[in-house]
């Protein structure tokens, strides 16, 4: 039994970005903690933290520091004691955490697929030659250019609402959004079509929410243990071990998906040249307890197969 559960007088502070999706994820975390410990809503405080990634919208992330820009200020505030836990979209998380912080709690994973979104056409196949596609994801851009090198891809940053407005304004004919995010926002109906993972393998950890805490915060550790989803954790451990072994980040054209089947785990993996001109894939199945080692092995095989100039980060 946890002796010092949060109260309205001394609430647990939950740190998050301020986008509608980030807030939806923080509210889900709060609701699960309320249910697990029979606590009122005002025993928690949602603390919105503006990150560099939210402020810098006129340049690609790779030019200004990568997706770590969405987490740095939040993690600084947690280390400083301004918040107790932080809620993150796992596909945005670097593979290494700052000293003193732990990321080991995951909520049940949502649909991992990408959603094709367009007010004009139903699928990638229906796009005419030379039409414009908007995306800020190097992974999606590389996968699209690998399949449709005739298309024009433009930078498309901002939250879900911003990207939808850009479509309305005619900046692009279509874009891609994570189906998980649309579902959490209650906006699944805007997805023109979900894209099968066989056609567009998702980003590592797509659809998963992770909750970070200070290493020495025993109360937070005990509370988060009550809402941790073990199966999601097993899948994410495999995928992030694969990502880490590639020396990759969420700003490189890497895709990976681990799925469970009884006591086994199956990993599918893909790496691409940034211009989409070449893609390499691999897969492996094994025991769940060997998932992390399997992820590393798949990454090492891909690195051996890749030409020396395949990725800058493979030769750095």
C-alpha atoms as a PDB file:
ATOM      1  CA  UNK A   1       0.000   0.000   0.000  1.00  0.00           C
ATOM      2  CA  UNK A   2       1.371   3.406  -0.992  1.00  0.00           C
ATOM      3  CA  UNK A   3       1.480   5.575   2.117  1.00  0.00           C
ATOM      4  CA  UNK A   4       1.625   9.035   0.542  1.00  0.00           C
ATOM      5  CA  UNK A   5      -0.809   9.032  -2.341  1.00  0.00           C
ATOM      6  CA  UNK A   6      -1.395  12.441  -3.921  1.00  0.00           C
ATOM      7  CA  UNK A   7      -4.205  14.636  -2.609  1.00  0.00           C
ATOM      8  CA  UNK A   8      -5.890  17.833  -3.831  1.00  0.00           C
ATOM      9  CA  UNK A   9      -3.630  19.694  -1.387  1.00  0.00           C
ATOM     10  CA  UNK A  10      -0.499  17.954  -2.692  1.00  0.00           C
ATOM     11  CA  UNK A  11      -1.310  16.772  -6.203  1.00  0.00           C
ATOM     12  CA  UNK A  12       0.844  14.643  -8.487  1.00  0.00           C
ATOM     13  CA  UNK A  13       2.171  16.919 -11.238  1.00  0.00           C
ATOM     14  CA  UNK A  14       1.913  15.424 -14.737  1.00  0.00           C
ATOM     15  CA  UNK A  15       4.088  17.144 -17.336  1.00  0.00           C
ATOM     16  CA  UNK A  16       3.086  17.259 -20.996  1.00  0.00           C
ATOM     17  CA  UNK A  17       3.302  19.259 -24.180  1.00  0.00           C
ATOM     18  CA  UNK A  18       0.306  21.446 -24.890  1.00  0.00           C
ATOM     19  CA  UNK A  19      -0.981  20.057 -28.188  1.00  0.00           C
ATOM     20  CA  UNK A  20      -4.482  18.531 -28.179  1.00  0.00           C
ATOM     21  CA  UNK A  21      -2.978  15.056 -28.698  1.00  0.00           C
ATOM     22  CA  UNK A  22      -0.407  15.468 -25.916  1.00  0.00           C
ATOM     23  CA  UNK A  23      -3.151  16.635 -23.553  1.00  0.00           C
ATOM     24  CA  UNK A  24      -5.373  13.686 -24.526  1.00  0.00           C
ATOM     25  CA  UNK A  25      -2.514  11.347 -23.612  1.00  0.00           C
ATOM     26  CA  UNK A  26      -1.981  13.108 -20.275  1.00  0.00           C
ATOM     27  CA  UNK A  27      -5.706  12.895 -19.508  1.00  0.00           C
ATOM     28  CA  UNK A  28      -5.676   9.161 -20.283  1.00  0.00           C
ATOM     29  CA  UNK A  29      -2.743   8.695 -17.905  1.00  0.00           C
ATOM     30  CA  UNK A  30      -4.551  10.658 -15.185  1.00  0.00           C
ATOM     31  CA  UNK A  31      -7.749   8.640 -15.679  1.00  0.00           C
ATOM     32  CA  UNK A  32      -5.885   5.337 -15.353  1.00  0.00           C
ATOM     33  CA  UNK A  33      -4.173   6.496 -12.160  1.00  0.00           C
ATOM     34  CA  UNK A  34      -7.478   7.762 -10.746  1.00  0.00           C
ATOM     35  CA  UNK A  35      -9.074   4.368 -11.397  1.00  0.00           C
ATOM     36  CA  UNK A  36      -6.120   2.387 -10.070  1.00  0.00           C
ATOM     37  CA  UNK A  37      -6.009   4.244  -6.738  1.00  0.00           C
ATOM     38  CA  UNK A  38      -9.587   5.559  -6.406  1.00  0.00           C
ATOM     39  CA  UNK A  39      -8.389   9.167  -6.450  1.00  0.00           C
ATOM     40  CA  UNK A  40     -10.295  12.335  -7.416  1.00  0.00           C
ATOM     41  CA  UNK A  41      -9.325  14.312 -10.501  1.00  0.00           C
ATOM     42  CA  UNK A  42      -8.009  17.204  -8.419  1.00  0.00           C
ATOM     43  CA  UNK A  43      -5.393  14.926  -6.854  1.00  0.00           C
ATOM     44  CA  UNK A  44      -3.527  15.546 -10.117  1.00  0.00           C
ATOM     45  CA  UNK A  45      -2.313  18.675 -11.883  1.00  0.00           C
ATOM     46  CA  UNK A  46      -1.632  18.750 -15.622  1.00  0.00           C
ATOM     47  CA  UNK A  47       1.424  20.969 -16.218  1.00  0.00           C
ATOM     48  CA  UNK A  48       1.762  22.163 -19.824  1.00  0.00           C
ATOM     49  CA  UNK A  49       5.355  22.744 -20.912  1.00  0.00           C
ATOM     50  CA  UNK A  50       6.183  24.558 -24.158  1.00  0.00           C
ATOM     51  CA  UNK A  51       9.091  22.802 -25.842  1.00  0.00           C
ATOM     52  CA  UNK A  52      11.546  24.007 -28.477  1.00  0.00           C
ATOM     53  CA  UNK A  53       9.961  21.597 -30.937  1.00  0.00           C
ATOM     54  CA  UNK A  54       6.611  23.326 -30.426  1.00  0.00           C
ATOM     55  CA  UNK A  55       8.101  26.787 -30.901  1.00  0.00           C
ATOM     56  CA  UNK A  56      10.234  26.129 -34.002  1.00  0.00           C
ATOM     57  CA  UNK A  57       7.821  25.354 -36.822  1.00  0.00           C
ATOM     58  CA  UNK A  58       9.517  26.923 -39.850  1.00  0.00           C
ATOM     59  CA  UNK A  59      12.367  24.404 -40.241  1.00  0.00           C
ATOM     60  CA  UNK A  60      12.699  20.612 -40.453  1.00  0.00           C
ATOM     61  CA  UNK A  61      13.472  19.036 -37.070  1.00  0.00           C
ATOM     62  CA  UNK A  62      16.732  17.525 -38.319  1.00  0.00           C
ATOM     63  CA  UNK A  63      18.068  21.063 -38.845  1.00  0.00           C
ATOM     64  CA  UNK A  64      17.394  22.190 -35.280  1.00  0.00           C
ATOM     65  CA  UNK A  65      18.175  19.176 -33.121  1.00  0.00           C
ATOM     66  CA  UNK A  66      15.722  16.374 -33.942  1.00  0.00           C
ATOM     67  CA  UNK A  67      12.711  15.211 -31.997  1.00  0.00           C
ATOM     68  CA  UNK A  68      14.621  15.463 -28.726  1.00  0.00           C
ATOM     69  CA  UNK A  69      13.428  19.059 -28.919  1.00  0.00           C
ATOM     70  CA  UNK A  70       9.985  17.765 -27.900  1.00  0.00           C
ATOM     71  CA  UNK A  71      11.294  16.283 -24.647  1.00  0.00           C
ATOM     72  CA  UNK A  72      14.271  18.292 -23.399  1.00  0.00           C
ATOM     73  CA  UNK A  73      12.439  21.031 -21.502  1.00  0.00           C
ATOM     74  CA  UNK A  74      10.005  18.527 -20.007  1.00  0.00           C
ATOM     75  CA  UNK A  75      12.849  16.354 -18.746  1.00  0.00           C
ATOM     76  CA  UNK A  76      14.699  19.392 -17.376  1.00  0.00           C
ATOM     77  CA  UNK A  77      11.596  20.365 -15.390  1.00  0.00           C
ATOM     78  CA  UNK A  78      11.274  16.842 -14.004  1.00  0.00           C
ATOM     79  CA  UNK A  79      14.899  16.754 -12.906  1.00  0.00           C
ATOM     80  CA  UNK A  80      14.331  20.138 -11.247  1.00  0.00           C
ATOM     81  CA  UNK A  81      11.304  18.763  -9.336  1.00  0.00           C
ATOM     82  CA  UNK A  82       8.759  20.990 -11.108  1.00  0.00           C
ATOM     83  CA  UNK A  83       6.809  17.922 -12.285  1.00  0.00           C
ATOM     84  CA  UNK A  84       6.609  14.356 -10.983  1.00  0.00           C
ATOM     85  CA  UNK A  85       6.012  12.347 -14.151  1.00  0.00           C
ATOM     86  CA  UNK A  86       5.968  13.104 -17.885  1.00  0.00           C
ATOM     87  CA  UNK A  87       3.752  11.634 -20.600  1.00  0.00           C
ATOM     88  CA  UNK A  88       5.287  11.106 -24.045  1.00  0.00           C
ATOM     89  CA  UNK A  89       4.460   9.731 -27.474  1.00  0.00           C
ATOM     90  CA  UNK A  90       7.033   6.961 -27.607  1.00  0.00           C
ATOM     91  CA  UNK A  91       7.855   7.436 -31.281  1.00  0.00           C
ATOM     92  CA  UNK A  92       9.179  10.898 -30.330  1.00  0.00           C
ATOM     93  CA  UNK A  93      11.540   9.609 -27.643  1.00  0.00           C
ATOM     94  CA  UNK A  94      15.328   9.404 -28.082  1.00  0.00           C
ATOM     95  CA  UNK A  95      16.729   5.961 -27.295  1.00  0.00           C
ATOM     96  CA  UNK A  96      18.664   7.292 -24.292  1.00  0.00           C
ATOM     97  CA  UNK A  97      17.222   9.089 -21.274  1.00  0.00           C
ATOM     98  CA  UNK A  98      19.037  11.731 -19.210  1.00  0.00           C
ATOM     99  CA  UNK A  99      20.858  10.475 -16.121  1.00  0.00           C
ATOM    100  CA  UNK A 100      18.398  10.291 -13.216  1.00  0.00           C
ATOM    101  CA  UNK A 101      15.294   9.582 -15.315  1.00  0.00           C
ATOM    102  CA  UNK A 102      13.604   6.272 -16.157  1.00  0.00           C
ATOM    103  CA  UNK A 103      11.157   5.405 -18.923  1.00  0.00           C
ATOM    104  CA  UNK A 104       9.663   2.012 -18.106  1.00  0.00           C
ATOM    105  CA  UNK A 105       5.872   2.479 -17.990  1.00  0.00           C
ATOM    106  CA  UNK A 106       3.677   2.075 -21.064  1.00  0.00           C
ATOM    107  CA  UNK A 107      -0.064   2.309 -21.555  1.00  0.00           C
ATOM    108  CA  UNK A 108      -1.811  -0.231 -23.800  1.00  0.00           C
ATOM    109  CA  UNK A 109      -0.694   0.370 -27.373  1.00  0.00           C
ATOM    110  CA  UNK A 110      -3.134   1.803 -29.896  1.00  0.00           C
ATOM    111  CA  UNK A 111      -3.393   1.000 -33.615  1.00  0.00           C
ATOM    112  CA  UNK A 112       0.135   1.256 -35.052  1.00  0.00           C
ATOM    113  CA  UNK A 113      -0.838   2.051 -38.644  1.00  0.00           C
ATOM    114  CA  UNK A 114      -0.326   5.274 -40.556  1.00  0.00           C
ATOM    115  CA  UNK A 115      -3.449   6.951 -41.877  1.00  0.00           C
ATOM    116  CA  UNK A 116      -3.649   8.355 -45.399  1.00  0.00           C
ATOM    117  CA  UNK A 117      -5.496  11.686 -45.174  1.00  0.00           C
ATOM    118  CA  UNK A 118      -6.760  13.586 -48.196  1.00  0.00           C
ATOM    119  CA  UNK A 119      -9.857  15.568 -49.160  1.00  0.00           C
ATOM    120  CA  UNK A 120      -9.208  14.686 -52.815  1.00  0.00           C
ATOM    121  CA  UNK A 121      -8.199  11.023 -53.306  1.00  0.00           C
ATOM    122  CA  UNK A 122      -8.615   7.719 -51.477  1.00  0.00           C
ATOM    123  CA  UNK A 123      -5.109   6.282 -51.602  1.00  0.00           C
ATOM    124  CA  UNK A 124      -1.484   6.776 -52.625  1.00  0.00           C
ATOM    125  CA  UNK A 125      -2.182   4.813 -55.812  1.00  0.00           C
ATOM    126  CA  UNK A 126      -4.766   7.399 -56.902  1.00  0.00           C
ATOM    127  CA  UNK A 127      -2.313  10.315 -56.723  1.00  0.00           C
ATOM    128  CA  UNK A 128      -1.397  11.627 -60.160  1.00  0.00           C
ATOM    129  CA  UNK A 129       2.211  12.004 -61.221  1.00  0.00           C
ATOM    130  CA  UNK A 130       3.885  15.058 -59.700  1.00  0.00           C
ATOM    131  CA  UNK A 131       1.202  15.715 -57.087  1.00  0.00           C
ATOM    132  CA  UNK A 132       2.289  17.166 -53.738  1.00  0.00           C
ATOM    133  CA  UNK A 133       2.373  15.218 -50.485  1.00  0.00           C
ATOM    134  CA  UNK A 134       3.040  16.892 -47.134  1.00  0.00           C
ATOM    135  CA  UNK A 135       4.947  15.172 -44.318  1.00  0.00           C
ATOM    136  CA  UNK A 136       7.566  16.084 -41.721  1.00  0.00           C
ATOM    137  CA  UNK A 137       8.587  12.440 -41.214  1.00  0.00           C
ATOM    138  CA  UNK A 138      11.797  11.323 -42.920  1.00  0.00           C
ATOM    139  CA  UNK A 139      10.601   7.737 -42.583  1.00  0.00           C
ATOM    140  CA  UNK A 140       7.288   8.386 -44.349  1.00  0.00           C
ATOM    141  CA  UNK A 141       8.995  10.523 -46.996  1.00  0.00           C
ATOM    142  CA  UNK A 142      11.571   7.817 -47.772  1.00  0.00           C
ATOM    143  CA  UNK A 143       8.941   5.068 -47.886  1.00  0.00           C
ATOM    144  CA  UNK A 144       6.734   7.144 -50.180  1.00  0.00           C
ATOM    145  CA  UNK A 145       9.607   8.081 -52.508  1.00  0.00           C
ATOM    146  CA  UNK A 146      10.660   4.431 -52.647  1.00  0.00           C
ATOM    147  CA  UNK A 147       7.203   3.492 -53.928  1.00  0.00           C
ATOM    148  CA  UNK A 148       6.270   6.673 -55.834  1.00  0.00           C
ATOM    149  CA  UNK A 149       9.419   8.617 -56.809  1.00  0.00           C
ATOM    150  CA  UNK A 150       7.297  10.705 -59.189  1.00  0.00           C
ATOM    151  CA  UNK A 151       5.588  12.563 -56.325  1.00  0.00           C
ATOM    152  CA  UNK A 152       6.604  15.915 -54.839  1.00  0.00           C
ATOM    153  CA  UNK A 153       7.098  15.839 -51.044  1.00  0.00           C
ATOM    154  CA  UNK A 154       7.030  19.057 -49.008  1.00  0.00           C
ATOM    155  CA  UNK A 155       7.701  19.781 -45.314  1.00  0.00           C
ATOM    156  CA  UNK A 156       4.492  19.595 -43.293  1.00  0.00           C
ATOM    157  CA  UNK A 157       4.982  20.377 -39.610  1.00  0.00           C
ATOM    158  CA  UNK A 158       2.540  21.248 -36.843  1.00  0.00           C
ATOM    159  CA  UNK A 159      -0.094  19.480 -34.779  1.00  0.00           C
ATOM    160  CA  UNK A 160      -2.958  17.498 -36.293  1.00  0.00           C
ATOM    161  CA  UNK A 161      -5.206  20.541 -36.591  1.00  0.00           C
ATOM    162  CA  UNK A 162      -2.469  22.595 -38.276  1.00  0.00           C
ATOM    163  CA  UNK A 163      -1.784  19.883 -40.832  1.00  0.00           C
ATOM    164  CA  UNK A 164      -5.458  19.502 -41.649  1.00  0.00           C
ATOM    165  CA  UNK A 165      -5.706  23.245 -42.235  1.00  0.00           C
ATOM    166  CA  UNK A 166      -2.733  23.064 -44.617  1.00  0.00           C
ATOM    167  CA  UNK A 167      -4.609  20.434 -46.616  1.00  0.00           C
ATOM    168  CA  UNK A 168      -7.659  22.709 -46.760  1.00  0.00           C
ATOM    169  CA  UNK A 169      -5.402  25.545 -47.932  1.00  0.00           C
ATOM    170  CA  UNK A 170      -4.067  23.412 -50.776  1.00  0.00           C
ATOM    171  CA  UNK A 171      -0.460  23.246 -49.584  1.00  0.00           C
ATOM    172  CA  UNK A 172      -0.569  19.528 -50.428  1.00  0.00           C
ATOM    173  CA  UNK A 173      -3.044  17.022 -51.831  1.00  0.00           C
ATOM    174  CA  UNK A 174      -2.570  14.583 -48.963  1.00  0.00           C
ATOM    175  CA  UNK A 175      -0.612  13.804 -45.807  1.00  0.00           C
ATOM    176  CA  UNK A 176      -0.063  10.978 -43.329  1.00  0.00           C
ATOM    177  CA  UNK A 177      -0.984  10.931 -39.658  1.00  0.00           C
ATOM    178  CA  UNK A 178      -0.646   8.238 -37.005  1.00  0.00           C
ATOM    179  CA  UNK A 179      -3.993   6.485 -36.688  1.00  0.00           C
ATOM    180  CA  UNK A 180      -3.374   6.116 -32.941  1.00  0.00           C
ATOM    181  CA  UNK A 181      -3.301   9.881 -32.494  1.00  0.00           C
ATOM    182  CA  UNK A 182      -6.503  10.355 -34.468  1.00  0.00           C
ATOM    183  CA  UNK A 183      -8.253   7.743 -32.348  1.00  0.00           C
ATOM    184  CA  UNK A 184      -7.109   9.344 -29.097  1.00  0.00           C
ATOM    185  CA  UNK A 185      -8.457  12.670 -30.358  1.00  0.00           C
ATOM    186  CA  UNK A 186     -11.778  11.135 -31.423  1.00  0.00           C
ATOM    187  CA  UNK A 187     -10.938  12.090 -35.023  1.00  0.00           C
ATOM    188  CA  UNK A 188     -10.580   8.674 -36.640  1.00  0.00           C
ATOM    189  CA  UNK A 189     -13.189   9.658 -39.210  1.00  0.00           C
ATOM    190  CA  UNK A 190     -10.749  12.041 -40.947  1.00  0.00           C
ATOM    191  CA  UNK A 191      -8.539   9.101 -41.940  1.00  0.00           C
ATOM    192  CA  UNK A 192      -9.283   8.544 -45.625  1.00  0.00           C
ATOM    193  CA  UNK A 193      -7.737   5.085 -45.354  1.00  0.00           C
ATOM    194  CA  UNK A 194      -5.540   3.262 -42.831  1.00  0.00           C
ATOM    195  CA  UNK A 195      -2.387   1.965 -44.538  1.00  0.00           C
ATOM    196  CA  UNK A 196      -1.552  -1.697 -43.934  1.00  0.00           C
ATOM    197  CA  UNK A 197       1.754  -2.256 -42.153  1.00  0.00           C
ATOM    198  CA  UNK A 198       2.773  -4.446 -45.092  1.00  0.00           C
ATOM    199  CA  UNK A 199       2.568  -1.344 -47.307  1.00  0.00           C
ATOM    200  CA  UNK A 200       4.048   1.209 -44.894  1.00  0.00           C
ATOM    201  CA  UNK A 201       5.849  -0.182 -41.871  1.00  0.00           C
ATOM    202  CA  UNK A 202       5.346   2.253 -38.961  1.00  0.00           C
ATOM    203  CA  UNK A 203       7.895   4.135 -36.901  1.00  0.00           C
ATOM    204  CA  UNK A 204       9.446   2.352 -33.948  1.00  0.00           C
ATOM    205  CA  UNK A 205       7.060   2.572 -30.943  1.00  0.00           C
ATOM    206  CA  UNK A 206       4.283   4.257 -32.964  1.00  0.00           C
ATOM    207  CA  UNK A 207       0.965   4.151 -31.117  1.00  0.00           C
ATOM    208  CA  UNK A 208       2.536   3.769 -27.659  1.00  0.00           C
ATOM    209  CA  UNK A 209       2.399   6.200 -24.723  1.00  0.00           C
ATOM    210  CA  UNK A 210       5.359   6.163 -22.338  1.00  0.00           C
ATOM    211  CA  UNK A 211       5.514   7.685 -18.868  1.00  0.00           C
ATOM    212  CA  UNK A 212       8.838   8.930 -17.529  1.00  0.00           C
ATOM    213  CA  UNK A 213       9.806   9.488 -13.881  1.00  0.00           C
ATOM    214  CA  UNK A 214      12.757  10.362 -11.685  1.00  0.00           C
ATOM    215  CA  UNK A 215      14.822   7.311 -10.784  1.00  0.00           C
ATOM    216  CA  UNK A 216      14.684   8.053  -7.062  1.00  0.00           C
ATOM    217  CA  UNK A 217      10.909   8.741  -6.902  1.00  0.00           C
ATOM    218  CA  UNK A 218       9.632   5.589  -5.198  1.00  0.00           C
ATOM    219  CA  UNK A 219       6.025   6.812  -4.962  1.00  0.00           C
ATOM    220  CA  UNK A 220       5.861   7.487  -8.693  1.00  0.00           C
ATOM    221  CA  UNK A 221       7.434   4.097  -9.396  1.00  0.00           C
ATOM    222  CA  UNK A 222       4.825   2.279  -7.320  1.00  0.00           C
ATOM    223  CA  UNK A 223       1.928   4.219  -8.812  1.00  0.00           C
ATOM    224  CA  UNK A 224       3.073   3.760 -12.390  1.00  0.00           C
ATOM    225  CA  UNK A 225       3.595   0.036 -11.889  1.00  0.00           C
ATOM    226  CA  UNK A 226      -0.172  -0.257 -11.388  1.00  0.00           C
ATOM    227  CA  UNK A 227      -0.961   1.061 -14.876  1.00  0.00           C
ATOM    228  CA  UNK A 228       1.925  -0.471 -16.841  1.00  0.00           C
ATOM    229  CA  UNK A 229       0.937  -2.688 -19.785  1.00  0.00           C
ATOM    230  CA  UNK A 230       3.414  -5.560 -19.891  1.00  0.00           C
ATOM    231  CA  UNK A 231       2.716  -6.648 -23.465  1.00  0.00           C
ATOM    232  CA  UNK A 232       3.287  -3.144 -24.794  1.00  0.00           C
ATOM    233  CA  UNK A 233       6.495  -2.968 -22.779  1.00  0.00           C
ATOM    234  CA  UNK A 234       7.766  -6.203 -24.337  1.00  0.00           C
ATOM    235  CA  UNK A 235       7.084  -4.942 -27.843  1.00  0.00           C
ATOM    236  CA  UNK A 236       8.645  -1.540 -27.232  1.00  0.00           C
ATOM    237  CA  UNK A 237      11.770  -3.067 -25.651  1.00  0.00           C
ATOM    238  CA  UNK A 238      12.370  -5.123 -28.789  1.00  0.00           C
ATOM    239  CA  UNK A 239      11.755  -2.223 -31.175  1.00  0.00           C
ATOM    240  CA  UNK A 240      13.877   0.296 -29.264  1.00  0.00           C
ATOM    241  CA  UNK A 241      16.765  -2.181 -28.911  1.00  0.00           C
ATOM    242  CA  UNK A 242      16.701  -2.467 -32.711  1.00  0.00           C
ATOM    243  CA  UNK A 243      16.617   1.328 -33.068  1.00  0.00           C
ATOM    244  CA  UNK A 244      19.452   1.838 -30.580  1.00  0.00           C
ATOM    245  CA  UNK A 245      21.640  -0.764 -32.301  1.00  0.00           C
ATOM    246  CA  UNK A 246      21.269   1.161 -35.567  1.00  0.00           C
ATOM    247  CA  UNK A 247      22.495   4.303 -33.777  1.00  0.00           C
ATOM    248  CA  UNK A 248      19.250   5.718 -35.068  1.00  0.00           C
ATOM    249  CA  UNK A 249      16.739   8.234 -33.856  1.00  0.00           C
ATOM    250  CA  UNK A 250      13.187   9.131 -34.667  1.00  0.00           C
ATOM    251  CA  UNK A 251      14.640  11.507 -37.289  1.00  0.00           C
ATOM    252  CA  UNK A 252      16.116   8.810 -39.532  1.00  0.00           C
ATOM    253  CA  UNK A 253      14.305   6.645 -42.113  1.00  0.00           C
ATOM    254  CA  UNK A 254      13.888   3.597 -39.882  1.00  0.00           C
ATOM    255  CA  UNK A 255      10.717   1.530 -39.489  1.00  0.00           C
ATOM    256  CA  UNK A 256      10.099  -1.352 -37.130  1.00  0.00           C
ATOM    257  CA  UNK A 257       7.217  -3.273 -35.603  1.00  0.00           C
ATOM    258  CA  UNK A 258       7.225  -6.035 -32.994  1.00  0.00           C
ATOM    259  CA  UNK A 259       4.092  -8.162 -32.515  1.00  0.00           C
ATOM    260  CA  UNK A 260       3.312 -10.880 -29.988  1.00  0.00           C
ATOM    261  CA  UNK A 261       1.947 -14.325 -30.749  1.00  0.00           C
ATOM    262  CA  UNK A 262       1.536 -16.435 -27.633  1.00  0.00           C
ATOM    263  CA  UNK A 263       4.981 -16.740 -26.084  1.00  0.00           C
ATOM    264  CA  UNK A 264       6.743 -15.502 -29.222  1.00  0.00           C
ATOM    265  CA  UNK A 265       7.626 -12.094 -30.575  1.00  0.00           C
ATOM    266  CA  UNK A 266       8.016 -11.246 -34.275  1.00  0.00           C
ATOM    267  CA  UNK A 267       9.985  -8.199 -35.453  1.00  0.00           C
ATOM    268  CA  UNK A 268       9.739  -6.666 -38.915  1.00  0.00           C
ATOM    269  CA  UNK A 269      12.309  -4.024 -39.810  1.00  0.00           C
ATOM    270  CA  UNK A 270      13.101  -1.647 -42.658  1.00  0.00           C
ATOM    271  CA  UNK A 271      15.782   0.958 -43.280  1.00  0.00           C
ATOM    272  CA  UNK A 272      15.851   3.297 -46.267  1.00  0.00           C
ATOM    273  CA  UNK A 273      18.048   5.815 -47.981  1.00  0.00           C
ATOM    274  CA  UNK A 274      16.796   9.294 -47.202  1.00  0.00           C
ATOM    275  CA  UNK A 275      15.775   9.814 -50.845  1.00  0.00           C
ATOM    276  CA  UNK A 276      13.917   6.487 -50.928  1.00  0.00           C
ATOM    277  CA  UNK A 277      16.107   5.118 -53.721  1.00  0.00           C
ATOM    278  CA  UNK A 278      16.885   1.920 -51.784  1.00  0.00           C
ATOM    279  CA  UNK A 279      15.222   0.022 -48.944  1.00  0.00           C
ATOM    280  CA  UNK A 280      16.449  -2.967 -46.955  1.00  0.00           C
ATOM    281  CA  UNK A 281      14.211  -5.137 -44.811  1.00  0.00           C
ATOM    282  CA  UNK A 282      14.597  -8.012 -42.359  1.00  0.00           C
ATOM    283  CA  UNK A 283      12.522  -9.994 -39.888  1.00  0.00           C
ATOM    284  CA  UNK A 284      12.964 -12.460 -37.055  1.00  0.00           C
ATOM    285  CA  UNK A 285      10.847 -14.368 -34.544  1.00  0.00           C
ATOM    286  CA  UNK A 286      11.816 -15.694 -31.141  1.00  0.00           C
ATOM    287  CA  UNK A 287      10.921 -16.013 -27.477  1.00  0.00           C
ATOM    288  CA  UNK A 288       9.551 -12.858 -25.854  1.00  0.00           C
ATOM    289  CA  UNK A 289      12.322 -12.853 -23.256  1.00  0.00           C
ATOM    290  CA  UNK A 290      14.867 -12.656 -26.089  1.00  0.00           C
ATOM    291  CA  UNK A 291      13.165  -9.678 -27.737  1.00  0.00           C
ATOM    292  CA  UNK A 292      15.863  -7.113 -27.018  1.00  0.00           C
ATOM    293  CA  UNK A 293      18.672  -9.353 -28.246  1.00  0.00           C
ATOM    294  CA  UNK A 294      16.596 -10.142 -31.325  1.00  0.00           C
ATOM    295  CA  UNK A 295      16.159  -6.435 -32.042  1.00  0.00           C
ATOM    296  CA  UNK A 296      19.926  -5.935 -31.848  1.00  0.00           C
ATOM    297  CA  UNK A 297      20.573  -8.939 -34.116  1.00  0.00           C
ATOM    298  CA  UNK A 298      18.172  -7.667 -36.795  1.00  0.00           C
ATOM    299  CA  UNK A 299      19.851  -4.251 -36.701  1.00  0.00           C
ATOM    300  CA  UNK A 300      23.325  -5.781 -37.046  1.00  0.00           C
ATOM    301  CA  UNK A 301      22.250  -7.836 -40.072  1.00  0.00           C
ATOM    302  CA  UNK A 302      20.833  -4.743 -41.769  1.00  0.00           C
ATOM    303  CA  UNK A 303      24.012  -2.802 -41.078  1.00  0.00           C
ATOM    304  CA  UNK A 304      26.119  -5.563 -42.622  1.00  0.00           C
ATOM    305  CA  UNK A 305      23.946  -5.605 -45.739  1.00  0.00           C
ATOM    306  CA  UNK A 306      23.849  -1.836 -46.185  1.00  0.00           C
ATOM    307  CA  UNK A 307      26.404  -0.221 -48.514  1.00  0.00           C
ATOM    308  CA  UNK A 308      28.872   2.022 -46.704  1.00  0.00           C
ATOM    309  CA  UNK A 309      27.127   5.161 -47.994  1.00  0.00           C
ATOM    310  CA  UNK A 310      23.602   3.964 -47.203  1.00  0.00           C
ATOM    311  CA  UNK A 311      23.086   6.328 -44.248  1.00  0.00           C
ATOM    312  CA  UNK A 312      25.321   9.050 -42.877  1.00  0.00           C
ATOM    313  CA  UNK A 313      24.593   7.746 -39.401  1.00  0.00           C
ATOM    314  CA  UNK A 314      25.827   4.236 -40.346  1.00  0.00           C
ATOM    315  CA  UNK A 315      29.287   5.582 -41.131  1.00  0.00           C
ATOM    316  CA  UNK A 316      29.501   8.450 -38.613  1.00  0.00           C
END
